[in-house]
Amino acid sequence: YVSSFSMLISSLFNLGSFEEIIELEKNYLDYCLNRNKISTSSPITDFYIGASYANLGNFKKGVFYISKAQKNVTSEAEYAYIDSIVEQIVNYL
């Protein structure tokens, strides 16, 4: 489920369907809450949700999700990439 959902979010993000991603956030949160073992199930999904919020102008929620993603990534490259996005948001504000 998590892998399929993550692919869906990624595809929607690549299509620029940010509103659709935000609509799916509730399903993601429900799943994470019901599966407390994987409450940090997918950093990349968190990143795409956060970037969607940021693209729609909700920087507070965007930074929350992007920071959550950055905290849970496993590679230095992913961390550095997310850090560059955070820096872009900070510069924009």
C-alpha atoms as a PDB file:
ATOM      1  CA  TYR A   1       0.000   0.000   0.000  1.00  0.00           C
ATOM      2  CA  VAL A   2       2.703   2.459   0.995  1.00  0.00           C
ATOM      3  CA  SER A   3       4.718   1.870  -2.185  1.00  0.00           C
ATOM      4  CA  SER A   4       1.673   2.233  -4.428  1.00  0.00           C
ATOM      5  CA  PHE A   5       0.540   5.351  -2.612  1.00  0.00           C
ATOM      6  CA  SER A   6       4.012   6.838  -2.864  1.00  0.00           C
ATOM      7  CA  MET A   7       4.090   6.178  -6.621  1.00  0.00           C
ATOM      8  CA  LEU A   8       0.660   7.795  -6.988  1.00  0.00           C
ATOM      9  CA  ILE A   9       1.791  10.897  -5.075  1.00  0.00           C
ATOM     10  CA  SER A  10       4.986  11.084  -7.141  1.00  0.00           C
ATOM     11  CA  SER A  11       3.058  10.799 -10.400  1.00  0.00           C
ATOM     12  CA  LEU A  12       0.554  13.457  -9.370  1.00  0.00           C
ATOM     13  CA  PHE A  13       3.401  15.747  -8.347  1.00  0.00           C
ATOM     14  CA  ASN A  14       5.104  15.316 -11.730  1.00  0.00           C
ATOM     15  CA  LEU A  15       1.792  16.239 -13.370  1.00  0.00           C
ATOM     16  CA  GLY A  16       1.508  19.342 -11.198  1.00  0.00           C
ATOM     17  CA  SER A  17      -1.672  18.055  -9.559  1.00  0.00           C
ATOM     18  CA  PHE A  18      -0.915  19.613  -6.179  1.00  0.00           C
ATOM     19  CA  GLU A  19      -4.547  19.953  -5.129  1.00  0.00           C
ATOM     20  CA  GLU A  20      -5.118  16.231  -5.679  1.00  0.00           C
ATOM     21  CA  ILE A  21      -2.117  15.411  -3.503  1.00  0.00           C
ATOM     22  CA  ILE A  22      -3.489  17.604  -0.727  1.00  0.00           C
ATOM     23  CA  GLU A  23      -6.839  15.828  -1.002  1.00  0.00           C
ATOM     24  CA  LEU A  24      -5.051  12.492  -0.498  1.00  0.00           C
ATOM     25  CA  GLU A  25      -3.238  13.747   2.610  1.00  0.00           C
ATOM     26  CA  LYS A  26      -6.137  12.659   4.856  1.00  0.00           C
ATOM     27  CA  ASN A  27      -5.853   9.067   3.605  1.00  0.00           C
ATOM     28  CA  TYR A  28      -2.110   9.144   4.224  1.00  0.00           C
ATOM     29  CA  LEU A  29      -2.542  10.479   7.758  1.00  0.00           C
ATOM     30  CA  ASP A  30      -5.253   7.939   8.559  1.00  0.00           C
ATOM     31  CA  TYR A  31      -3.038   5.109   7.342  1.00  0.00           C
ATOM     32  CA  CYS A  32      -0.009   6.354   9.317  1.00  0.00           C
ATOM     33  CA  LEU A  33      -2.049   6.752  12.491  1.00  0.00           C
ATOM     34  CA  ASN A  34      -3.523   3.267  12.162  1.00  0.00           C
ATOM     35  CA  ARG A  35      -0.094   1.773  11.482  1.00  0.00           C
ATOM     36  CA  ASN A  36       1.935   3.388  14.230  1.00  0.00           C
ATOM     37  CA  LYS A  37       4.879   1.101  13.447  1.00  0.00           C
ATOM     38  CA  ILE A  38       5.382   3.006  10.214  1.00  0.00           C
ATOM     39  CA  SER A  39       4.287   6.469  11.250  1.00  0.00           C
ATOM     40  CA  THR A  40       7.239   7.752   9.259  1.00  0.00           C
ATOM     41  CA  SER A  41       6.389   5.424   6.408  1.00  0.00           C
ATOM     42  CA  SER A  42       7.695   7.350   3.440  1.00  0.00           C
ATOM     43  CA  PRO A  43       9.959  10.368   3.553  1.00  0.00           C
ATOM     44  CA  ILE A  44       9.532  10.909  -0.178  1.00  0.00           C
ATOM     45  CA  THR A  45       5.737  10.988   0.224  1.00  0.00           C
ATOM     46  CA  ASP A  46       6.143  13.503   3.037  1.00  0.00           C
ATOM     47  CA  PHE A  47       8.395  15.540   0.754  1.00  0.00           C
ATOM     48  CA  TYR A  48       5.892  15.574  -2.122  1.00  0.00           C
ATOM     49  CA  ILE A  49       3.017  16.497   0.187  1.00  0.00           C
ATOM     50  CA  GLY A  50       5.111  19.311   1.647  1.00  0.00           C
ATOM     51  CA  ALA A  51       6.211  20.555  -1.758  1.00  0.00           C
ATOM     52  CA  SER A  52       2.580  20.498  -2.901  1.00  0.00           C
ATOM     53  CA  TYR A  53       1.568  22.656   0.038  1.00  0.00           C
ATOM     54  CA  ALA A  54       4.452  25.035  -0.691  1.00  0.00           C
ATOM     55  CA  ASN A  55       3.475  25.235  -4.375  1.00  0.00           C
ATOM     56  CA  LEU A  56      -0.049  26.176  -3.304  1.00  0.00           C
ATOM     57  CA  GLY A  57       1.248  28.872  -0.948  1.00  0.00           C
ATOM     58  CA  ASN A  58       0.777  27.093   2.383  1.00  0.00           C
ATOM     59  CA  PHE A  59       4.395  27.319   3.489  1.00  0.00           C
ATOM     60  CA  LYS A  60       3.694  26.455   7.118  1.00  0.00           C
ATOM     61  CA  LYS A  61       2.352  22.985   6.259  1.00  0.00           C
ATOM     62  CA  GLY A  62       4.845  22.663   3.426  1.00  0.00           C
ATOM     63  CA  VAL A  63       7.833  23.185   5.679  1.00  0.00           C
ATOM     64  CA  PHE A  64       6.346  20.829   8.283  1.00  0.00           C
ATOM     65  CA  TYR A  65       6.171  17.935   5.815  1.00  0.00           C
ATOM     66  CA  ILE A  66       9.471  18.735   4.123  1.00  0.00           C
ATOM     67  CA  SER A  67      11.237  18.898   7.487  1.00  0.00           C
ATOM     68  CA  LYS A  68       9.646  15.592   8.480  1.00  0.00           C
ATOM     69  CA  ALA A  69      10.899  14.061   5.238  1.00  0.00           C
ATOM     70  CA  GLN A  70      14.396  15.416   5.767  1.00  0.00           C
ATOM     71  CA  LYS A  71      14.514  13.991   9.274  1.00  0.00           C
ATOM     72  CA  ASN A  72      13.653  10.507   8.008  1.00  0.00           C
ATOM     73  CA  VAL A  73      15.666  10.133   4.790  1.00  0.00           C
ATOM     74  CA  THR A  74      18.390   7.531   4.789  1.00  0.00           C
ATOM     75  CA  SER A  75      20.884   8.887   2.282  1.00  0.00           C
ATOM     76  CA  GLU A  76      23.051  11.985   2.352  1.00  0.00           C
ATOM     77  CA  ALA A  77      22.061  12.824  -1.218  1.00  0.00           C
ATOM     78  CA  GLU A  78      18.354  12.882  -0.341  1.00  0.00           C
ATOM     79  CA  TYR A  79      19.105  14.961   2.748  1.00  0.00           C
ATOM     80  CA  ALA A  80      21.143  17.467   0.728  1.00  0.00           C
ATOM     81  CA  TYR A  81      18.423  17.730  -1.931  1.00  0.00           C
ATOM     82  CA  ILE A  82      15.694  18.364   0.622  1.00  0.00           C
ATOM     83  CA  ASP A  83      17.957  20.852   2.396  1.00  0.00           C
ATOM     84  CA  SER A  84      18.311  22.787  -0.866  1.00  0.00           C
ATOM     85  CA  ILE A  85      14.513  22.927  -1.194  1.00  0.00           C
ATOM     86  CA  VAL A  86      14.171  24.193   2.378  1.00  0.00           C
ATOM     87  CA  GLU A  87      16.768  26.856   1.594  1.00  0.00           C
ATOM     88  CA  GLN A  88      14.796  27.926  -1.493  1.00  0.00           C
ATOM     89  CA  ILE A  89      11.623  28.267   0.580  1.00  0.00           C
ATOM     90  CA  VAL A  90      13.459  30.291   3.220  1.00  0.00           C
ATOM     91  CA  ASN A  91      14.898  32.593   0.553  1.00  0.00           C
ATOM     92  CA  TYR A  92      11.460  33.005  -0.994  1.00  0.00           C
ATOM     93  CA  LEU A  93       9.934  34.040   2.319  1.00  0.00           C
END
